[in-house]
Amino acid sequence: MTDINNFDLLNSALEGTNLIEASAGTGKTYTITGLFLRLVLEKHLSVSRILVVTFTEAATGELKERIRTQLRKAIRAFTEGGSQDPFLKDLTNKMNDAEKAVAHLKEALREFDQASIFTIHGFCRRMLQENAFESGSLFDTELVTDQENLKREIVDDFQVGLGNPVADEGKEGIRTQFVVHGIMNKKG
């Protein structure tokens, strides 16, 4: 049986694999933001070396804004010697060299437009584009999440190839029947 421990944002290991599972409104964004700061400060990673992946475009936008804001707050906390935010207060106490911490945080803020914060689809698209030769894909590959228009185009092309008129856009059932009838007639 797996031992499940409570997650300690300030002291949990930054190596290996950790699963953070939580319901809506429980602080996942805050936790990810804190981990991002710790990676910058404790592991001296540039923002381009940290990958953050989430589900929705809205969550991606929120994460970018919250991390950028937290970087600014952390700079202020290290400059002023503390913060009202309990995590930032503890983080400033944990770090030995405030001047070096401020330098790392300012660099992260300057480079923040290079941050790898994506939706799952956005990350996959980027990997396919950056590794087009290795993946055997085209450079201009488009990742399609809503396939309805693509399906409609395929059906229309198929019908035209059979010499059938393209069905009315509002009659999906008729379109499907035409395609099935056309396939059965071609084979039979």
C-alpha atoms as a PDB file:
ATOM      1  CA  MET A   1       0.000   0.000   0.000  1.00  0.00           C
ATOM      2  CA  THR A   2       1.275   3.465  -0.890  1.00  0.00           C
ATOM      3  CA  ASP A   3       1.954   5.879   1.932  1.00  0.00           C
ATOM      4  CA  ILE A   4       0.275   9.245   1.282  1.00  0.00           C
ATOM      5  CA  ASN A   5       1.808  12.270   2.992  1.00  0.00           C
ATOM      6  CA  ASN A   6       0.516  15.789   3.280  1.00  0.00           C
ATOM      7  CA  PHE A   7       2.294  18.095   0.879  1.00  0.00           C
ATOM      8  CA  ASP A   8       4.632  20.633   2.468  1.00  0.00           C
ATOM      9  CA  LEU A   9       5.073  23.485  -0.021  1.00  0.00           C
ATOM     10  CA  LEU A  10       8.128  24.929   1.685  1.00  0.00           C
ATOM     11  CA  ASN A  11      10.046  21.694   2.305  1.00  0.00           C
ATOM     12  CA  SER A  12       8.882  18.980  -0.105  1.00  0.00           C
ATOM     13  CA  ALA A  13      11.622  17.580  -2.309  1.00  0.00           C
ATOM     14  CA  LEU A  14      12.031  19.246  -5.681  1.00  0.00           C
ATOM     15  CA  GLU A  15      13.446  16.055  -7.206  1.00  0.00           C
ATOM     16  CA  GLY A  16      11.698  12.931  -8.309  1.00  0.00           C
ATOM     17  CA  THR A  17       8.004  12.587  -8.967  1.00  0.00           C
ATOM     18  CA  ASN A  18       5.332  14.097  -6.776  1.00  0.00           C
ATOM     19  CA  LEU A  19       1.609  13.930  -7.405  1.00  0.00           C
ATOM     20  CA  ILE A  20      -0.451  16.852  -6.214  1.00  0.00           C
ATOM     21  CA  GLU A  21      -4.114  15.939  -6.324  1.00  0.00           C
ATOM     22  CA  ALA A  22      -6.712  18.337  -5.013  1.00  0.00           C
ATOM     23  CA  SER A  23     -10.272  19.490  -5.535  1.00  0.00           C
ATOM     24  CA  ALA A  24     -11.234  22.832  -7.027  1.00  0.00           C
ATOM     25  CA  GLY A  25     -10.525  25.826  -4.827  1.00  0.00           C
ATOM     26  CA  THR A  26      -7.993  24.087  -2.583  1.00  0.00           C
ATOM     27  CA  GLY A  27      -4.917  26.046  -3.644  1.00  0.00           C
ATOM     28  CA  LYS A  28      -3.394  24.132  -6.569  1.00  0.00           C
ATOM     29  CA  THR A  29      -2.504  27.366  -8.377  1.00  0.00           C
ATOM     30  CA  TYR A  30      -0.940  28.776  -5.203  1.00  0.00           C
ATOM     31  CA  THR A  31       1.035  25.543  -4.755  1.00  0.00           C
ATOM     32  CA  ILE A  32       2.288  25.499  -8.349  1.00  0.00           C
ATOM     33  CA  THR A  33       3.294  29.148  -7.987  1.00  0.00           C
ATOM     34  CA  GLY A  34       5.223  28.341  -4.810  1.00  0.00           C
ATOM     35  CA  LEU A  35       6.991  25.412  -6.438  1.00  0.00           C
ATOM     36  CA  PHE A  36       7.936  27.632  -9.362  1.00  0.00           C
ATOM     37  CA  LEU A  37       9.531  30.146  -6.959  1.00  0.00           C
ATOM     38  CA  ARG A  38      11.393  27.404  -5.131  1.00  0.00           C
ATOM     39  CA  LEU A  39      12.781  25.995  -8.395  1.00  0.00           C
ATOM     40  CA  VAL A  40      14.062  29.447  -9.329  1.00  0.00           C
ATOM     41  CA  LEU A  41      15.559  30.095  -5.892  1.00  0.00           C
ATOM     42  CA  GLU A  42      16.738  26.700  -4.676  1.00  0.00           C
ATOM     43  CA  LYS A  43      17.659  24.956  -7.932  1.00  0.00           C
ATOM     44  CA  HIS A  44      18.668  28.157  -9.762  1.00  0.00           C
ATOM     45  CA  LEU A  45      16.604  27.143 -12.796  1.00  0.00           C
ATOM     46  CA  SER A  46      15.819  29.702 -15.446  1.00  0.00           C
ATOM     47  CA  VAL A  47      12.130  30.028 -16.270  1.00  0.00           C
ATOM     48  CA  SER A  48      12.735  28.412 -19.672  1.00  0.00           C
ATOM     49  CA  ARG A  49      13.794  25.207 -17.848  1.00  0.00           C
ATOM     50  CA  ILE A  50      10.579  24.888 -15.811  1.00  0.00           C
ATOM     51  CA  LEU A  51       7.550  23.242 -17.414  1.00  0.00           C
ATOM     52  CA  VAL A  52       4.033  23.889 -16.116  1.00  0.00           C
ATOM     53  CA  VAL A  53       1.183  22.021 -17.817  1.00  0.00           C
ATOM     54  CA  THR A  54      -2.507  22.454 -17.037  1.00  0.00           C
ATOM     55  CA  PHE A  55      -5.844  21.599 -18.638  1.00  0.00           C
ATOM     56  CA  THR A  56      -7.507  24.773 -19.875  1.00  0.00           C
ATOM     57  CA  GLU A  57      -6.523  28.017 -21.598  1.00  0.00           C
ATOM     58  CA  ALA A  58      -8.137  29.905 -18.695  1.00  0.00           C
ATOM     59  CA  ALA A  59      -6.010  28.022 -16.153  1.00  0.00           C
ATOM     60  CA  THR A  60      -2.895  28.675 -18.249  1.00  0.00           C
ATOM     61  CA  GLY A  61      -3.601  32.411 -18.330  1.00  0.00           C
ATOM     62  CA  GLU A  62      -4.285  32.487 -14.605  1.00  0.00           C
ATOM     63  CA  LEU A  63      -1.085  30.568 -13.819  1.00  0.00           C
ATOM     64  CA  LYS A  64       1.036  32.917 -15.916  1.00  0.00           C
ATOM     65  CA  GLU A  65      -0.419  35.965 -14.206  1.00  0.00           C
ATOM     66  CA  ARG A  66      -0.198  34.501 -10.709  1.00  0.00           C
ATOM     67  CA  ILE A  67       3.403  33.331 -11.140  1.00  0.00           C
ATOM     68  CA  ARG A  68       4.473  36.705 -12.534  1.00  0.00           C
ATOM     69  CA  THR A  69       2.715  38.459  -9.630  1.00  0.00           C
ATOM     70  CA  GLN A  70       4.289  36.100  -7.090  1.00  0.00           C
ATOM     71  CA  LEU A  71       7.748  36.738  -8.542  1.00  0.00           C
ATOM     72  CA  ARG A  72       7.204  40.471  -7.949  1.00  0.00           C
ATOM     73  CA  LYS A  73       5.918  39.848  -4.410  1.00  0.00           C
ATOM     74  CA  ALA A  74       8.908  37.624  -3.677  1.00  0.00           C
ATOM     75  CA  ILE A  75      11.329  40.321  -4.861  1.00  0.00           C
ATOM     76  CA  ARG A  76       9.595  42.753  -2.508  1.00  0.00           C
ATOM     77  CA  ALA A  77       9.656  40.213   0.351  1.00  0.00           C
ATOM     78  CA  PHE A  78      13.389  39.552  -0.001  1.00  0.00           C
ATOM     79  CA  THR A  79      14.140  43.258  -0.398  1.00  0.00           C
ATOM     80  CA  GLU A  80      12.075  44.250   2.658  1.00  0.00           C
ATOM     81  CA  GLY A  81      13.040  41.214   4.743  1.00  0.00           C
ATOM     82  CA  GLY A  82       9.624  39.582   5.025  1.00  0.00           C
ATOM     83  CA  SER A  83       6.019  39.390   3.868  1.00  0.00           C
ATOM     84  CA  GLN A  84       2.457  39.076   5.142  1.00  0.00           C
ATOM     85  CA  ASP A  85       2.104  35.958   2.951  1.00  0.00           C
ATOM     86  CA  PRO A  86       3.046  33.001   5.220  1.00  0.00           C
ATOM     87  CA  PHE A  87       4.793  31.080   2.424  1.00  0.00           C
ATOM     88  CA  LEU A  88       6.872  34.075   1.309  1.00  0.00           C
ATOM     89  CA  LYS A  89       7.702  34.887   4.922  1.00  0.00           C
ATOM     90  CA  ASP A  90       8.954  31.342   5.524  1.00  0.00           C
ATOM     91  CA  LEU A  91      10.763  31.288   2.170  1.00  0.00           C
ATOM     92  CA  THR A  92      12.667  34.493   2.993  1.00  0.00           C
ATOM     93  CA  ASN A  93      13.678  32.954   6.338  1.00  0.00           C
ATOM     94  CA  LYS A  94      14.749  29.709   4.632  1.00  0.00           C
ATOM     95  CA  MET A  95      17.061  31.316   2.057  1.00  0.00           C
ATOM     96  CA  ASN A  96      20.531  32.296   3.274  1.00  0.00           C
ATOM     97  CA  ASP A  97      21.392  35.062   0.817  1.00  0.00           C
ATOM     98  CA  ALA A  98      18.613  37.613   0.184  1.00  0.00           C
ATOM     99  CA  GLU A  99      20.712  39.564  -2.317  1.00  0.00           C
ATOM    100  CA  LYS A 100      21.350  36.459  -4.423  1.00  0.00           C
ATOM    101  CA  ALA A 101      17.663  35.506  -4.161  1.00  0.00           C
ATOM    102  CA  VAL A 102      16.599  38.933  -5.455  1.00  0.00           C
ATOM    103  CA  ALA A 103      19.028  38.577  -8.375  1.00  0.00           C
ATOM    104  CA  HIS A 104      17.553  35.161  -9.310  1.00  0.00           C
ATOM    105  CA  LEU A 105      13.991  36.454  -9.003  1.00  0.00           C
ATOM    106  CA  LYS A 106      14.685  39.562 -11.099  1.00  0.00           C
ATOM    107  CA  GLU A 107      16.268  37.404 -13.790  1.00  0.00           C
ATOM    108  CA  ALA A 108      13.212  35.113 -13.742  1.00  0.00           C
ATOM    109  CA  LEU A 109      10.935  38.137 -14.122  1.00  0.00           C
ATOM    110  CA  ARG A 110      12.999  39.465 -17.057  1.00  0.00           C
ATOM    111  CA  GLU A 111      12.862  36.067 -18.795  1.00  0.00           C
ATOM    112  CA  PHE A 112       9.250  35.347 -17.907  1.00  0.00           C
ATOM    113  CA  ASP A 113       7.986  35.617 -21.498  1.00  0.00           C
ATOM    114  CA  GLN A 114      10.046  32.482 -22.178  1.00  0.00           C
ATOM    115  CA  ALA A 115       8.214  30.525 -19.460  1.00  0.00           C
ATOM    116  CA  SER A 116       6.860  27.154 -20.576  1.00  0.00           C
ATOM    117  CA  ILE A 117       3.328  27.329 -19.215  1.00  0.00           C
ATOM    118  CA  PHE A 118       0.941  25.418 -21.478  1.00  0.00           C
ATOM    119  CA  THR A 119      -2.258  23.493 -21.794  1.00  0.00           C
ATOM    120  CA  ILE A 120      -1.697  19.808 -22.525  1.00  0.00           C
ATOM    121  CA  HIS A 121      -2.579  20.444 -26.186  1.00  0.00           C
ATOM    122  CA  GLY A 122      -0.311  23.495 -26.372  1.00  0.00           C
ATOM    123  CA  PHE A 123       2.601  21.528 -24.969  1.00  0.00           C
ATOM    124  CA  CYS A 124       2.042  18.682 -27.455  1.00  0.00           C
ATOM    125  CA  ARG A 125       1.819  21.156 -30.345  1.00  0.00           C
ATOM    126  CA  ARG A 126       5.085  22.815 -29.282  1.00  0.00           C
ATOM    127  CA  MET A 127       6.886  19.474 -28.964  1.00  0.00           C
ATOM    128  CA  LEU A 128       5.695  18.393 -32.426  1.00  0.00           C
ATOM    129  CA  GLN A 129       6.844  21.693 -33.949  1.00  0.00           C
ATOM    130  CA  GLU A 130      10.211  21.754 -32.165  1.00  0.00           C
ATOM    131  CA  ASN A 131      10.883  18.100 -32.959  1.00  0.00           C
ATOM    132  CA  ALA A 132       9.374  17.838 -36.438  1.00  0.00           C
ATOM    133  CA  PHE A 133      12.219  15.719 -37.852  1.00  0.00           C
ATOM    134  CA  GLU A 134      12.319  13.351 -34.888  1.00  0.00           C
ATOM    135  CA  SER A 135       8.535  12.918 -34.818  1.00  0.00           C
ATOM    136  CA  GLY A 136       8.173  12.604 -38.582  1.00  0.00           C
ATOM    137  CA  SER A 137       5.521  15.329 -38.602  1.00  0.00           C
ATOM    138  CA  LEU A 138       5.202  18.375 -40.798  1.00  0.00           C
ATOM    139  CA  PHE A 139       6.484  21.736 -39.552  1.00  0.00           C
ATOM    140  CA  ASP A 140       3.049  23.297 -39.871  1.00  0.00           C
ATOM    141  CA  THR A 141       1.186  20.465 -38.128  1.00  0.00           C
ATOM    142  CA  GLU A 142      -2.037  21.697 -36.581  1.00  0.00           C
ATOM    143  CA  LEU A 143      -3.319  20.004 -33.455  1.00  0.00           C
ATOM    144  CA  VAL A 144      -7.109  19.802 -33.761  1.00  0.00           C
ATOM    145  CA  THR A 145      -9.049  19.479 -30.519  1.00  0.00           C
ATOM    146  CA  ASP A 146     -12.552  19.972 -31.973  1.00  0.00           C
ATOM    147  CA  GLN A 147     -12.838  17.586 -34.899  1.00  0.00           C
ATOM    148  CA  GLU A 148     -16.399  18.359 -36.003  1.00  0.00           C
ATOM    149  CA  ASN A 149     -15.360  20.691 -38.843  1.00  0.00           C
ATOM    150  CA  LEU A 150     -12.728  18.193 -39.977  1.00  0.00           C
ATOM    151  CA  LYS A 151     -15.285  15.355 -39.990  1.00  0.00           C
ATOM    152  CA  ARG A 152     -17.738  17.508 -41.933  1.00  0.00           C
ATOM    153  CA  GLU A 153     -15.066  18.356 -44.528  1.00  0.00           C
ATOM    154  CA  ILE A 154     -14.104  14.673 -44.942  1.00  0.00           C
ATOM    155  CA  VAL A 155     -17.742  13.640 -45.395  1.00  0.00           C
ATOM    156  CA  ASP A 156     -18.322  16.416 -47.951  1.00  0.00           C
ATOM    157  CA  ASP A 157     -15.180  15.447 -49.891  1.00  0.00           C
ATOM    158  CA  PHE A 158     -16.225  11.811 -49.834  1.00  0.00           C
ATOM    159  CA  GLN A 159     -19.710  12.603 -51.102  1.00  0.00           C
ATOM    160  CA  VAL A 160     -18.397  14.769 -53.915  1.00  0.00           C
ATOM    161  CA  GLY A 161     -16.046  11.924 -54.884  1.00  0.00           C
ATOM    162  CA  LEU A 162     -19.057   9.603 -55.132  1.00  0.00           C
ATOM    163  CA  GLY A 163     -20.911  12.094 -57.278  1.00  0.00           C
ATOM    164  CA  ASN A 164     -23.460  12.769 -54.523  1.00  0.00           C
ATOM    165  CA  PRO A 165     -24.545  16.313 -53.747  1.00  0.00           C
ATOM    166  CA  VAL A 166     -23.253  17.690 -50.432  1.00  0.00           C
ATOM    167  CA  ALA A 167     -25.986  17.378 -47.782  1.00  0.00           C
ATOM    168  CA  ASP A 168     -27.550  20.417 -46.163  1.00  0.00           C
ATOM    169  CA  GLU A 169     -25.433  21.602 -43.172  1.00  0.00           C
ATOM    170  CA  GLY A 170     -28.378  21.304 -40.775  1.00  0.00           C
ATOM    171  CA  LYS A 171     -29.133  17.643 -41.519  1.00  0.00           C
ATOM    172  CA  GLU A 172     -26.394  15.567 -39.902  1.00  0.00           C
ATOM    173  CA  GLY A 173     -28.488  12.381 -40.017  1.00  0.00           C
ATOM    174  CA  ILE A 174     -28.949  12.691 -43.771  1.00  0.00           C
ATOM    175  CA  ARG A 175     -25.232  13.333 -44.276  1.00  0.00           C
ATOM    176  CA  THR A 176     -24.330  10.168 -42.345  1.00  0.00           C
ATOM    177  CA  GLN A 177     -26.901   8.103 -44.278  1.00  0.00           C
ATOM    178  CA  PHE A 178     -25.493   9.352 -47.602  1.00  0.00           C
ATOM    179  CA  VAL A 179     -21.971   8.347 -46.591  1.00  0.00           C
ATOM    180  CA  VAL A 180     -22.983   4.898 -45.316  1.00  0.00           C
ATOM    181  CA  HIS A 181     -25.155   4.322 -48.421  1.00  0.00           C
ATOM    182  CA  GLY A 182     -22.302   5.483 -50.670  1.00  0.00           C
ATOM    183  CA  ILE A 183     -19.771   3.175 -49.010  1.00  0.00           C
ATOM    184  CA  MET A 184     -22.113   0.195 -49.194  1.00  0.00           C
ATOM    185  CA  ASN A 185     -22.887   0.864 -52.876  1.00  0.00           C
ATOM    186  CA  LYS A 186     -19.190   1.205 -53.772  1.00  0.00           C
ATOM    187  CA  LYS A 187     -18.335  -2.121 -52.111  1.00  0.00           C
ATOM    188  CA  GLY A 188     -21.383  -4.002 -53.359  1.00  0.00           C
END
